[in-house]
Amino acid sequence: MSKLSNEKAVQEAAWVFEENQSDAGKMAYSIDVTTGVLHDIEFIESPNAEPRPQDALPELIVVHGISLPPNQFGGEAITQLFTNQLDPAEDPYFDKIKGLRVSAHALIRRDGELIQYVPFQNKAWHAGVSEFAGRSGCNDFSIGIELEGTDETAYTEPQYAVLAQLINALWCTYPVCSSATSSGTTRLLLDARPIPVPIFSGAD
């Protein structure tokens, strides 16, 4: 069982938010509290989702890193993965992960473009078999945000800014998130288990 990174990752996520907090209000996002969908942002529905357990609320924000094919940016492969439309013939790596059923609530591309796939009140399949602060099944109580990138490549300033704005909107809509924590991980796409590694450049 993988454990989501705790103290170090929380510090990194806090650093990103604090560094960009002054910009968060410049392009504030808002979330429809009834549907759990961002206003005026592209929404592409993923079938890889389900209702949260009764009385479960978003309490944890998990930030992942993803690139498809590995170490390549752009294209539609991430959306195709999240919508079960990835063509295994297009790349040898795609053949390795065919049949994988995963999703995230949102993706932030390298240029800062934000795409939502799962309403925030629903459960996305992003954390796999996971544990955080002694609680298992993180998908039940978390929101998964993907940043397009790799462990070896610095994330971009537009990504940091959009991440801060999105977290601010989530905190405003789901106050329990702001009283809980944020965690940074990267995804092992082959089996969709999160591995704790630092992902934010510039963090202490």
N, C-alpha and C. Protein backbone atom coordinates (compact mmCIF):
# COMPACT_ATOMS: atom_id res chain seq x y z
N MET A 1 0.84 -1.20 0.00
CA MET A 1 0.00 0.00 0.00
C MET A 1 0.87 1.24 0.00
N SER A 2 0.60 2.16 -0.91
CA SER A 2 1.34 3.41 -0.95
C SER A 2 0.77 4.40 0.05
N LYS A 3 1.65 5.16 0.67
CA LYS A 3 1.22 6.24 1.55
C LYS A 3 1.47 7.57 0.86
N LEU A 4 0.50 8.46 0.88
CA LEU A 4 0.70 9.77 0.29
C LEU A 4 1.64 10.57 1.18
N SER A 5 2.56 11.28 0.55
CA SER A 5 3.54 12.07 1.27
C SER A 5 2.86 13.05 2.20
N ASN A 6 3.41 13.22 3.40
CA ASN A 6 2.75 14.04 4.40
C ASN A 6 3.45 15.38 4.59
N GLU A 7 4.37 15.49 5.53
CA GLU A 7 4.92 16.78 5.93
C GLU A 7 5.60 17.51 4.79
N LYS A 8 6.50 16.86 4.06
CA LYS A 8 7.24 17.51 3.00
C LYS A 8 6.30 18.00 1.90
N ALA A 9 5.39 17.13 1.48
CA ALA A 9 4.48 17.49 0.40
C ALA A 9 3.55 18.62 0.81
N VAL A 10 3.09 18.61 2.05
CA VAL A 10 2.23 19.69 2.52
C VAL A 10 2.96 21.02 2.46
N GLN A 11 4.25 21.02 2.86
CA GLN A 11 5.05 22.24 2.80
C GLN A 11 5.17 22.74 1.37
N GLU A 12 5.37 21.81 0.43
CA GLU A 12 5.53 22.19 -0.97
C GLU A 12 4.25 22.77 -1.53
N ALA A 13 3.11 22.12 -1.25
CA ALA A 13 1.84 22.63 -1.75
C ALA A 13 1.53 23.99 -1.14
N ALA A 14 1.84 24.16 0.14
CA ALA A 14 1.61 25.44 0.80
C ALA A 14 2.48 26.52 0.17
N TRP A 15 3.74 26.16 -0.17
CA TRP A 15 4.64 27.12 -0.81
C TRP A 15 4.07 27.61 -2.12
N VAL A 16 3.59 26.69 -2.94
CA VAL A 16 3.03 27.07 -4.23
C VAL A 16 1.84 28.00 -4.04
N PHE A 17 0.96 27.65 -3.12
CA PHE A 17 -0.22 28.49 -2.92
C PHE A 17 0.17 29.87 -2.41
N GLU A 18 1.07 29.93 -1.43
CA GLU A 18 1.45 31.21 -0.86
C GLU A 18 2.17 32.09 -1.88
N GLU A 19 3.04 31.49 -2.71
CA GLU A 19 3.77 32.25 -3.71
C GLU A 19 2.85 32.88 -4.74
N ASN A 20 1.72 32.23 -5.01
CA ASN A 20 0.82 32.70 -6.05
C ASN A 20 -0.48 33.28 -5.50
N GLN A 21 -0.58 33.40 -4.19
CA GLN A 21 -1.83 33.83 -3.58
C GLN A 21 -2.22 35.23 -4.05
N SER A 22 -1.21 36.09 -4.27
CA SER A 22 -1.51 37.45 -4.71
C SER A 22 -2.14 37.47 -6.09
N ASP A 23 -1.88 36.41 -6.89
CA ASP A 23 -2.45 36.33 -8.24
C ASP A 23 -3.78 35.60 -8.26
N ALA A 24 -4.14 34.95 -7.16
CA ALA A 24 -5.31 34.08 -7.18
C ALA A 24 -6.60 34.83 -7.49
N GLY A 25 -6.65 36.10 -7.08
CA GLY A 25 -7.87 36.85 -7.32
C GLY A 25 -7.96 37.45 -8.70
N LYS A 26 -6.88 37.41 -9.47
CA LYS A 26 -6.88 38.05 -10.78
C LYS A 26 -7.77 37.30 -11.77
N MET A 27 -7.85 36.01 -11.64
CA MET A 27 -8.70 35.21 -12.51
C MET A 27 -9.37 34.16 -11.63
N ALA A 28 -10.21 34.64 -10.72
CA ALA A 28 -10.79 33.75 -9.73
C ALA A 28 -11.74 32.76 -10.40
N TYR A 29 -11.62 31.49 -10.02
CA TYR A 29 -12.55 30.48 -10.50
C TYR A 29 -13.70 30.37 -9.52
N SER A 30 -14.84 29.94 -10.02
CA SER A 30 -15.98 29.67 -9.15
C SER A 30 -16.56 28.32 -9.51
N ILE A 31 -17.12 27.68 -8.51
CA ILE A 31 -17.63 26.31 -8.65
C ILE A 31 -19.13 26.31 -8.37
N ASP A 32 -19.89 25.69 -9.24
CA ASP A 32 -21.33 25.53 -9.01
C ASP A 32 -21.52 24.56 -7.85
N VAL A 33 -22.09 25.01 -6.77
CA VAL A 33 -22.19 24.17 -5.58
C VAL A 33 -23.18 23.03 -5.77
N THR A 34 -24.06 23.16 -6.76
CA THR A 34 -25.03 22.10 -7.02
C THR A 34 -24.44 20.98 -7.86
N THR A 35 -23.71 21.36 -8.91
CA THR A 35 -23.16 20.36 -9.83
C THR A 35 -21.72 19.98 -9.51
N GLY A 36 -21.00 20.83 -8.78
CA GLY A 36 -19.59 20.57 -8.51
C GLY A 36 -18.70 20.82 -9.70
N VAL A 37 -19.17 21.61 -10.67
CA VAL A 37 -18.43 21.88 -11.89
C VAL A 37 -18.01 23.35 -11.92
N LEU A 38 -16.80 23.61 -12.38
CA LEU A 38 -16.30 24.97 -12.51
C LEU A 38 -17.08 25.74 -13.57
N HIS A 39 -17.34 27.01 -13.29
CA HIS A 39 -17.98 27.87 -14.27
C HIS A 39 -16.96 28.27 -15.35
N ASP A 40 -17.42 28.26 -16.60
CA ASP A 40 -16.65 28.80 -17.73
C ASP A 40 -15.31 28.11 -17.94
N ILE A 41 -15.24 26.84 -17.60
CA ILE A 41 -14.04 26.02 -17.83
C ILE A 41 -14.47 24.77 -18.60
N GLU A 42 -13.64 24.33 -19.53
CA GLU A 42 -14.00 23.14 -20.31
C GLU A 42 -14.21 21.94 -19.39
N PHE A 43 -15.35 21.28 -19.56
CA PHE A 43 -15.67 20.08 -18.80
C PHE A 43 -15.82 18.91 -19.77
N ILE A 44 -14.97 17.90 -19.60
CA ILE A 44 -15.03 16.68 -20.40
C ILE A 44 -15.30 15.54 -19.42
N GLU A 45 -16.47 14.98 -19.47
CA GLU A 45 -16.87 14.01 -18.44
C GLU A 45 -16.11 12.70 -18.59
N SER A 46 -15.53 12.25 -17.49
CA SER A 46 -14.86 10.96 -17.44
C SER A 46 -15.82 9.91 -16.89
N PRO A 47 -15.85 8.73 -17.50
CA PRO A 47 -16.67 7.66 -16.94
C PRO A 47 -16.03 7.01 -15.72
N ASN A 48 -14.78 7.35 -15.46
CA ASN A 48 -14.04 6.72 -14.37
C ASN A 48 -14.24 7.52 -13.08
N ALA A 49 -15.45 7.46 -12.59
CA ALA A 49 -15.83 8.22 -11.41
C ALA A 49 -17.08 7.58 -10.80
N GLU A 50 -17.39 7.98 -9.60
CA GLU A 50 -18.56 7.44 -8.92
C GLU A 50 -18.91 8.36 -7.76
N PRO A 51 -20.13 8.22 -7.21
CA PRO A 51 -20.48 9.04 -6.06
C PRO A 51 -19.57 8.74 -4.86
N ARG A 52 -19.33 9.76 -4.06
CA ARG A 52 -18.59 9.52 -2.83
C ARG A 52 -19.47 8.74 -1.85
N PRO A 53 -18.86 8.06 -0.88
CA PRO A 53 -19.66 7.40 0.15
C PRO A 53 -20.55 8.41 0.87
N GLN A 54 -21.62 7.94 1.43
CA GLN A 54 -22.55 8.82 2.14
C GLN A 54 -21.82 9.62 3.21
N ASP A 55 -22.09 10.91 3.25
CA ASP A 55 -21.52 11.84 4.23
C ASP A 55 -20.04 12.14 4.01
N ALA A 56 -19.43 11.59 2.96
CA ALA A 56 -18.02 11.89 2.68
C ALA A 56 -17.92 13.24 1.99
N LEU A 57 -16.97 14.06 2.45
CA LEU A 57 -16.75 15.38 1.89
C LEU A 57 -15.31 15.49 1.40
N PRO A 58 -15.04 16.36 0.42
CA PRO A 58 -13.65 16.59 0.02
C PRO A 58 -12.86 17.22 1.17
N GLU A 59 -11.85 16.51 1.63
CA GLU A 59 -11.04 17.00 2.75
C GLU A 59 -9.56 17.11 2.39
N LEU A 60 -9.16 16.49 1.31
CA LEU A 60 -7.76 16.40 0.94
C LEU A 60 -7.60 16.76 -0.53
N ILE A 61 -6.62 17.57 -0.85
CA ILE A 61 -6.31 17.89 -2.24
C ILE A 61 -4.99 17.21 -2.59
N VAL A 62 -5.03 16.32 -3.58
CA VAL A 62 -3.85 15.58 -3.99
C VAL A 62 -3.41 16.09 -5.36
N VAL A 63 -2.17 16.55 -5.44
CA VAL A 63 -1.63 17.08 -6.69
C VAL A 63 -0.71 16.04 -7.30
N HIS A 64 -1.05 15.61 -8.52
CA HIS A 64 -0.26 14.61 -9.23
C HIS A 64 0.49 15.25 -10.39
N GLY A 65 1.47 14.53 -10.92
CA GLY A 65 2.12 14.92 -12.16
C GLY A 65 1.88 13.86 -13.21
N ILE A 66 1.67 14.26 -14.47
CA ILE A 66 1.37 13.29 -15.52
C ILE A 66 1.90 13.81 -16.86
N SER A 67 2.40 12.90 -17.67
CA SER A 67 2.73 13.21 -19.06
C SER A 67 2.49 11.96 -19.88
N LEU A 68 1.88 12.14 -21.04
CA LEU A 68 1.57 11.02 -21.93
C LEU A 68 1.82 11.42 -23.38
N PRO A 69 2.65 10.61 -24.10
CA PRO A 69 3.52 9.56 -23.59
C PRO A 69 4.49 10.14 -22.54
N PRO A 70 5.15 9.28 -21.77
CA PRO A 70 6.04 9.79 -20.74
C PRO A 70 7.05 10.80 -21.28
N ASN A 71 7.19 11.91 -20.56
CA ASN A 71 8.15 12.97 -20.88
C ASN A 71 7.79 13.74 -22.15
N GLN A 72 6.56 13.62 -22.61
CA GLN A 72 6.09 14.41 -23.74
C GLN A 72 4.87 15.22 -23.32
N PHE A 73 4.79 16.45 -23.83
CA PHE A 73 3.72 17.35 -23.42
C PHE A 73 2.85 17.70 -24.63
N GLY A 74 1.62 18.09 -24.33
CA GLY A 74 0.69 18.47 -25.38
C GLY A 74 -0.07 17.25 -25.90
N GLY A 75 -0.94 17.49 -26.85
CA GLY A 75 -1.73 16.40 -27.41
C GLY A 75 -2.93 16.07 -26.55
N GLU A 76 -3.66 15.06 -26.97
CA GLU A 76 -4.92 14.69 -26.32
C GLU A 76 -4.84 13.40 -25.53
N ALA A 77 -3.64 12.87 -25.34
CA ALA A 77 -3.51 11.55 -24.72
C ALA A 77 -4.03 11.52 -23.28
N ILE A 78 -3.81 12.57 -22.51
CA ILE A 78 -4.28 12.56 -21.12
C ILE A 78 -5.80 12.52 -21.08
N THR A 79 -6.42 13.36 -21.89
CA THR A 79 -7.89 13.32 -21.96
C THR A 79 -8.38 11.98 -22.45
N GLN A 80 -7.69 11.42 -23.43
CA GLN A 80 -8.08 10.10 -23.93
C GLN A 80 -7.95 9.03 -22.86
N LEU A 81 -6.91 9.13 -22.04
CA LEU A 81 -6.75 8.17 -20.94
C LEU A 81 -7.92 8.28 -19.96
N PHE A 82 -8.27 9.51 -19.60
CA PHE A 82 -9.32 9.72 -18.60
C PHE A 82 -10.71 9.40 -19.13
N THR A 83 -10.86 9.29 -20.46
CA THR A 83 -12.16 8.97 -21.05
C THR A 83 -12.18 7.60 -21.72
N ASN A 84 -11.14 6.80 -21.42
CA ASN A 84 -11.06 5.42 -21.93
C ASN A 84 -11.02 5.36 -23.46
N GLN A 85 -10.36 6.33 -24.08
CA GLN A 85 -10.28 6.38 -25.53
C GLN A 85 -8.84 6.35 -26.04
N LEU A 86 -7.91 5.96 -25.19
CA LEU A 86 -6.51 5.92 -25.58
C LEU A 86 -6.28 4.77 -26.57
N ASP A 87 -5.66 5.08 -27.69
CA ASP A 87 -5.42 4.09 -28.74
C ASP A 87 -4.06 3.42 -28.48
N PRO A 88 -4.03 2.13 -28.13
CA PRO A 88 -2.75 1.47 -27.84
C PRO A 88 -1.83 1.39 -29.05
N ALA A 89 -2.36 1.59 -30.25
CA ALA A 89 -1.53 1.52 -31.45
C ALA A 89 -0.73 2.81 -31.68
N GLU A 90 -1.08 3.88 -30.99
CA GLU A 90 -0.42 5.16 -31.24
C GLU A 90 0.96 5.28 -30.60
N ASP A 91 1.21 4.52 -29.55
CA ASP A 91 2.50 4.60 -28.87
C ASP A 91 2.72 3.30 -28.10
N PRO A 92 3.94 2.76 -28.07
CA PRO A 92 4.19 1.52 -27.34
C PRO A 92 3.80 1.61 -25.86
N TYR A 93 3.95 2.79 -25.25
CA TYR A 93 3.59 2.93 -23.84
C TYR A 93 2.08 2.80 -23.65
N PHE A 94 1.33 3.30 -24.63
CA PHE A 94 -0.12 3.21 -24.51
C PHE A 94 -0.57 1.75 -24.48
N ASP A 95 0.15 0.90 -25.19
CA ASP A 95 -0.21 -0.52 -25.18
C ASP A 95 0.01 -1.13 -23.80
N LYS A 96 1.02 -0.61 -23.07
CA LYS A 96 1.30 -1.13 -21.73
C LYS A 96 0.19 -0.78 -20.74
N ILE A 97 -0.48 0.34 -20.96
CA ILE A 97 -1.48 0.77 -19.98
C ILE A 97 -2.91 0.62 -20.51
N LYS A 98 -3.07 -0.10 -21.61
CA LYS A 98 -4.42 -0.30 -22.13
C LYS A 98 -5.26 -1.02 -21.07
N GLY A 99 -6.46 -0.60 -20.95
CA GLY A 99 -7.34 -1.17 -19.94
C GLY A 99 -7.27 -0.46 -18.60
N LEU A 100 -6.32 0.45 -18.44
CA LEU A 100 -6.23 1.21 -17.19
C LEU A 100 -7.40 2.16 -17.10
N ARG A 101 -8.07 2.19 -15.97
CA ARG A 101 -9.22 3.04 -15.76
C ARG A 101 -8.92 4.02 -14.63
N VAL A 102 -8.55 5.23 -14.99
CA VAL A 102 -8.19 6.26 -14.02
C VAL A 102 -8.80 7.59 -14.46
N SER A 103 -8.77 8.54 -13.55
CA SER A 103 -9.26 9.88 -13.85
C SER A 103 -8.70 10.83 -12.80
N ALA A 104 -8.96 12.09 -13.01
CA ALA A 104 -8.68 13.12 -12.01
C ALA A 104 -9.81 14.13 -12.11
N HIS A 105 -9.97 14.92 -11.07
CA HIS A 105 -11.00 15.95 -11.14
C HIS A 105 -10.62 17.02 -12.16
N ALA A 106 -9.33 17.35 -12.23
CA ALA A 106 -8.93 18.44 -13.11
C ALA A 106 -7.49 18.24 -13.59
N LEU A 107 -7.19 18.82 -14.73
CA LEU A 107 -5.85 18.81 -15.33
C LEU A 107 -5.44 20.25 -15.59
N ILE A 108 -4.19 20.58 -15.26
CA ILE A 108 -3.62 21.88 -15.61
C ILE A 108 -2.47 21.64 -16.57
N ARG A 109 -2.64 22.10 -17.81
CA ARG A 109 -1.62 21.89 -18.83
C ARG A 109 -0.45 22.85 -18.64
N ARG A 110 0.59 22.65 -19.42
CA ARG A 110 1.81 23.44 -19.27
C ARG A 110 1.56 24.94 -19.45
N ASP A 111 0.61 25.29 -20.32
CA ASP A 111 0.33 26.71 -20.57
C ASP A 111 -0.70 27.28 -19.61
N GLY A 112 -1.12 26.48 -18.64
CA GLY A 112 -2.10 26.94 -17.66
C GLY A 112 -3.54 26.62 -18.01
N GLU A 113 -3.79 25.99 -19.16
CA GLU A 113 -5.16 25.61 -19.50
C GLU A 113 -5.70 24.63 -18.46
N LEU A 114 -6.92 24.88 -18.03
CA LEU A 114 -7.56 24.06 -17.00
C LEU A 114 -8.72 23.30 -17.62
N ILE A 115 -8.74 21.99 -17.40
CA ILE A 115 -9.81 21.12 -17.88
C ILE A 115 -10.33 20.32 -16.70
N GLN A 116 -11.65 20.22 -16.59
CA GLN A 116 -12.25 19.42 -15.52
C GLN A 116 -12.86 18.15 -16.12
N TYR A 117 -12.71 17.04 -15.39
CA TYR A 117 -13.21 15.75 -15.86
C TYR A 117 -14.26 15.13 -14.94
N VAL A 118 -14.21 15.44 -13.66
CA VAL A 118 -15.12 14.84 -12.69
C VAL A 118 -15.65 15.96 -11.78
N PRO A 119 -16.96 16.02 -11.55
CA PRO A 119 -17.48 17.00 -10.60
C PRO A 119 -16.82 16.80 -9.23
N PHE A 120 -16.56 17.89 -8.55
CA PHE A 120 -15.80 17.79 -7.31
C PHE A 120 -16.54 17.05 -6.21
N GLN A 121 -17.86 17.00 -6.26
CA GLN A 121 -18.57 16.27 -5.21
C GLN A 121 -18.55 14.77 -5.45
N ASN A 122 -18.06 14.35 -6.64
CA ASN A 122 -17.95 12.93 -6.94
C ASN A 122 -16.53 12.43 -6.72
N LYS A 123 -16.38 11.14 -6.71
CA LYS A 123 -15.09 10.51 -6.49
C LYS A 123 -14.41 10.21 -7.82
N ALA A 124 -13.22 10.77 -8.02
CA ALA A 124 -12.41 10.43 -9.19
C ALA A 124 -11.47 9.29 -8.81
N TRP A 125 -11.04 8.55 -9.82
CA TRP A 125 -10.17 7.39 -9.58
C TRP A 125 -8.72 7.82 -9.81
N HIS A 126 -8.15 8.52 -8.86
CA HIS A 126 -6.82 9.09 -9.06
C HIS A 126 -5.77 8.58 -8.08
N ALA A 127 -6.16 8.16 -6.89
CA ALA A 127 -5.18 7.81 -5.86
C ALA A 127 -4.96 6.31 -5.71
N GLY A 128 -5.79 5.50 -6.33
CA GLY A 128 -5.61 4.05 -6.23
C GLY A 128 -5.69 3.57 -4.79
N VAL A 129 -4.94 2.51 -4.51
CA VAL A 129 -4.84 2.00 -3.13
C VAL A 129 -3.92 2.95 -2.38
N SER A 130 -4.46 3.68 -1.42
CA SER A 130 -3.72 4.79 -0.84
C SER A 130 -4.09 4.99 0.62
N GLU A 131 -3.23 5.72 1.29
CA GLU A 131 -3.44 6.04 2.70
C GLU A 131 -2.85 7.40 2.99
N PHE A 132 -3.55 8.20 3.77
CA PHE A 132 -3.04 9.50 4.18
C PHE A 132 -3.43 9.75 5.64
N ALA A 133 -2.42 10.05 6.46
CA ALA A 133 -2.64 10.37 7.88
C ALA A 133 -3.47 9.28 8.57
N GLY A 134 -3.17 8.03 8.22
CA GLY A 134 -3.84 6.91 8.87
C GLY A 134 -5.18 6.53 8.28
N ARG A 135 -5.62 7.24 7.24
CA ARG A 135 -6.91 6.93 6.61
C ARG A 135 -6.66 6.30 5.24
N SER A 136 -7.31 5.21 4.97
CA SER A 136 -7.15 4.53 3.69
C SER A 136 -8.25 4.98 2.73
N GLY A 137 -8.09 4.61 1.46
CA GLY A 137 -9.10 4.94 0.46
C GLY A 137 -9.22 6.42 0.21
N CYS A 138 -8.11 7.06 -0.16
CA CYS A 138 -8.10 8.52 -0.29
C CYS A 138 -9.06 9.05 -1.35
N ASN A 139 -9.38 8.24 -2.34
CA ASN A 139 -10.33 8.70 -3.35
C ASN A 139 -11.66 9.13 -2.73
N ASP A 140 -12.04 8.47 -1.63
CA ASP A 140 -13.33 8.75 -1.01
C ASP A 140 -13.43 10.19 -0.51
N PHE A 141 -12.31 10.77 -0.07
CA PHE A 141 -12.38 12.08 0.59
C PHE A 141 -11.40 13.09 0.00
N SER A 142 -10.96 12.86 -1.22
CA SER A 142 -9.96 13.77 -1.80
C SER A 142 -10.40 14.31 -3.16
N ILE A 143 -9.70 15.35 -3.56
CA ILE A 143 -9.82 15.93 -4.90
C ILE A 143 -8.47 15.77 -5.58
N GLY A 144 -8.46 15.21 -6.78
CA GLY A 144 -7.23 14.96 -7.51
C GLY A 144 -7.02 15.99 -8.62
N ILE A 145 -5.86 16.65 -8.58
CA ILE A 145 -5.51 17.62 -9.60
C ILE A 145 -4.23 17.15 -10.29
N GLU A 146 -4.27 17.07 -11.60
CA GLU A 146 -3.09 16.67 -12.38
C GLU A 146 -2.40 17.90 -12.95
N LEU A 147 -1.08 17.96 -12.79
CA LEU A 147 -0.27 18.95 -13.48
C LEU A 147 0.47 18.23 -14.60
N GLU A 148 0.40 18.74 -15.80
CA GLU A 148 1.13 18.13 -16.91
C GLU A 148 2.62 18.39 -16.70
N GLY A 149 3.38 17.33 -16.48
CA GLY A 149 4.80 17.48 -16.22
C GLY A 149 5.44 16.18 -15.80
N THR A 150 6.71 16.26 -15.43
CA THR A 150 7.47 15.09 -15.00
C THR A 150 8.27 15.43 -13.75
N ASP A 151 8.89 14.41 -13.16
CA ASP A 151 9.73 14.63 -11.99
C ASP A 151 10.99 15.42 -12.34
N GLU A 152 11.41 15.36 -13.60
CA GLU A 152 12.68 15.97 -14.01
C GLU A 152 12.52 17.37 -14.61
N THR A 153 11.29 17.77 -14.90
CA THR A 153 11.04 19.04 -15.57
C THR A 153 10.29 19.98 -14.64
N ALA A 154 10.79 21.20 -14.49
CA ALA A 154 10.13 22.16 -13.62
C ALA A 154 8.74 22.48 -14.15
N TYR A 155 7.79 22.63 -13.25
CA TYR A 155 6.47 23.06 -13.65
C TYR A 155 6.52 24.55 -13.97
N THR A 156 5.51 25.03 -14.68
CA THR A 156 5.55 26.38 -15.22
C THR A 156 4.85 27.37 -14.30
N GLU A 157 5.20 28.64 -14.45
CA GLU A 157 4.54 29.68 -13.67
C GLU A 157 3.03 29.73 -13.93
N PRO A 158 2.57 29.60 -15.20
CA PRO A 158 1.11 29.55 -15.39
C PRO A 158 0.46 28.39 -14.64
N GLN A 159 1.13 27.25 -14.57
CA GLN A 159 0.57 26.13 -13.81
C GLN A 159 0.47 26.46 -12.33
N TYR A 160 1.53 27.05 -11.78
CA TYR A 160 1.49 27.43 -10.37
C TYR A 160 0.36 28.41 -10.10
N ALA A 161 0.20 29.40 -10.97
CA ALA A 161 -0.82 30.41 -10.76
C ALA A 161 -2.23 29.81 -10.82
N VAL A 162 -2.47 28.96 -11.82
CA VAL A 162 -3.79 28.33 -11.95
C VAL A 162 -4.05 27.38 -10.79
N LEU A 163 -3.02 26.65 -10.37
CA LEU A 163 -3.18 25.76 -9.22
C LEU A 163 -3.60 26.55 -7.98
N ALA A 164 -2.96 27.69 -7.75
CA ALA A 164 -3.31 28.52 -6.60
C ALA A 164 -4.74 29.01 -6.70
N GLN A 165 -5.14 29.44 -7.90
CA GLN A 165 -6.51 29.93 -8.09
C GLN A 165 -7.53 28.81 -7.88
N LEU A 166 -7.21 27.62 -8.39
CA LEU A 166 -8.12 26.49 -8.24
C LEU A 166 -8.24 26.07 -6.78
N ILE A 167 -7.11 25.98 -6.09
CA ILE A 167 -7.16 25.63 -4.68
C ILE A 167 -7.96 26.66 -3.89
N ASN A 168 -7.78 27.93 -4.23
CA ASN A 168 -8.55 28.97 -3.56
C ASN A 168 -10.04 28.76 -3.76
N ALA A 169 -10.46 28.42 -4.99
CA ALA A 169 -11.87 28.17 -5.26
C ALA A 169 -12.37 26.95 -4.50
N LEU A 170 -11.55 25.92 -4.43
CA LEU A 170 -11.94 24.72 -3.68
C LEU A 170 -12.08 25.01 -2.20
N TRP A 171 -11.14 25.79 -1.67
CA TRP A 171 -11.22 26.15 -0.26
C TRP A 171 -12.49 26.95 0.03
N CYS A 172 -12.85 27.84 -0.89
CA CYS A 172 -14.04 28.66 -0.69
C CYS A 172 -15.32 27.82 -0.78
N THR A 173 -15.31 26.82 -1.64
CA THR A 173 -16.51 26.00 -1.86
C THR A 173 -16.62 24.87 -0.85
N TYR A 174 -15.49 24.30 -0.50
CA TYR A 174 -15.46 23.17 0.45
C TYR A 174 -14.55 23.55 1.61
N PRO A 175 -15.05 24.31 2.56
CA PRO A 175 -14.19 24.84 3.65
C PRO A 175 -13.42 23.77 4.40
N VAL A 176 -13.94 22.55 4.43
CA VAL A 176 -13.23 21.50 5.15
C VAL A 176 -11.87 21.23 4.52
N CYS A 177 -11.73 21.50 3.21
CA CYS A 177 -10.43 21.33 2.55
C CYS A 177 -9.39 22.27 3.14
N SER A 178 -9.78 23.50 3.40
CA SER A 178 -8.81 24.48 3.89
C SER A 178 -8.40 24.20 5.32
N SER A 179 -9.24 23.47 6.06
CA SER A 179 -8.89 23.14 7.44
C SER A 179 -8.17 21.80 7.52
N ALA A 180 -8.09 21.12 6.36
CA ALA A 180 -7.38 19.83 6.32
C ALA A 180 -5.98 20.07 5.77
N THR A 181 -5.69 19.60 4.55
CA THR A 181 -4.34 19.75 4.03
C THR A 181 -4.31 19.51 2.54
N SER A 182 -3.14 19.77 1.95
CA SER A 182 -2.90 19.44 0.55
C SER A 182 -1.69 18.53 0.49
N SER A 183 -1.65 17.65 -0.49
CA SER A 183 -0.54 16.71 -0.60
C SER A 183 -0.05 16.65 -2.02
N GLY A 184 1.26 16.52 -2.21
CA GLY A 184 1.82 16.44 -3.55
C GLY A 184 2.37 15.06 -3.83
N THR A 185 2.00 14.48 -4.95
CA THR A 185 2.49 13.17 -5.33
C THR A 185 2.69 13.15 -6.83
N THR A 186 3.22 12.08 -7.32
CA THR A 186 3.23 11.84 -8.76
C THR A 186 2.61 10.48 -9.03
N ARG A 187 2.05 10.30 -10.20
CA ARG A 187 1.35 9.06 -10.51
C ARG A 187 2.27 8.06 -11.21
N LEU A 188 2.24 6.82 -10.75
CA LEU A 188 2.84 5.73 -11.50
C LEU A 188 1.73 5.20 -12.41
N LEU A 189 1.78 5.54 -13.69
CA LEU A 189 0.64 5.28 -14.56
C LEU A 189 0.38 3.80 -14.77
N LEU A 190 1.41 2.98 -14.67
CA LEU A 190 1.24 1.57 -14.97
C LEU A 190 0.21 0.90 -14.07
N ASP A 191 0.22 1.28 -12.77
CA ASP A 191 -0.77 0.68 -11.89
C ASP A 191 -1.56 1.73 -11.11
N ALA A 192 -1.40 3.00 -11.51
CA ALA A 192 -2.19 4.10 -10.96
C ALA A 192 -2.00 4.28 -9.46
N ARG A 193 -0.88 3.84 -8.91
CA ARG A 193 -0.62 4.08 -7.49
C ARG A 193 0.23 5.33 -7.34
N PRO A 194 -0.14 6.21 -6.40
CA PRO A 194 0.67 7.41 -6.21
C PRO A 194 1.95 7.10 -5.45
N ILE A 195 3.06 7.73 -5.86
CA ILE A 195 4.33 7.55 -5.18
C ILE A 195 4.76 8.88 -4.59
N PRO A 196 5.12 8.94 -3.31
CA PRO A 196 5.51 10.23 -2.73
C PRO A 196 6.87 10.69 -3.19
N VAL A 197 6.88 11.78 -3.97
CA VAL A 197 8.13 12.41 -4.39
C VAL A 197 7.89 13.91 -4.45
N PRO A 198 8.94 14.74 -4.27
CA PRO A 198 8.75 16.18 -4.40
C PRO A 198 8.48 16.54 -5.85
N ILE A 199 7.55 17.47 -6.10
CA ILE A 199 7.24 17.83 -7.48
C ILE A 199 7.33 19.32 -7.72
N PHE A 200 7.49 20.14 -6.70
CA PHE A 200 7.47 21.58 -6.90
C PHE A 200 8.87 22.13 -6.83
N SER A 201 9.34 22.78 -7.89
CA SER A 201 10.66 23.39 -7.87
C SER A 201 10.64 24.62 -6.99
N GLY A 202 11.76 24.89 -6.32
CA GLY A 202 11.87 26.08 -5.51
C GLY A 202 11.45 25.90 -4.08
N ALA A 203 10.84 24.79 -3.72
CA ALA A 203 10.42 24.56 -2.34
C ALA A 203 11.63 24.19 -1.50
N ASP A 204 11.60 24.57 -0.23
CA ASP A 204 12.70 24.21 0.67
C ASP A 204 12.59 22.76 1.06
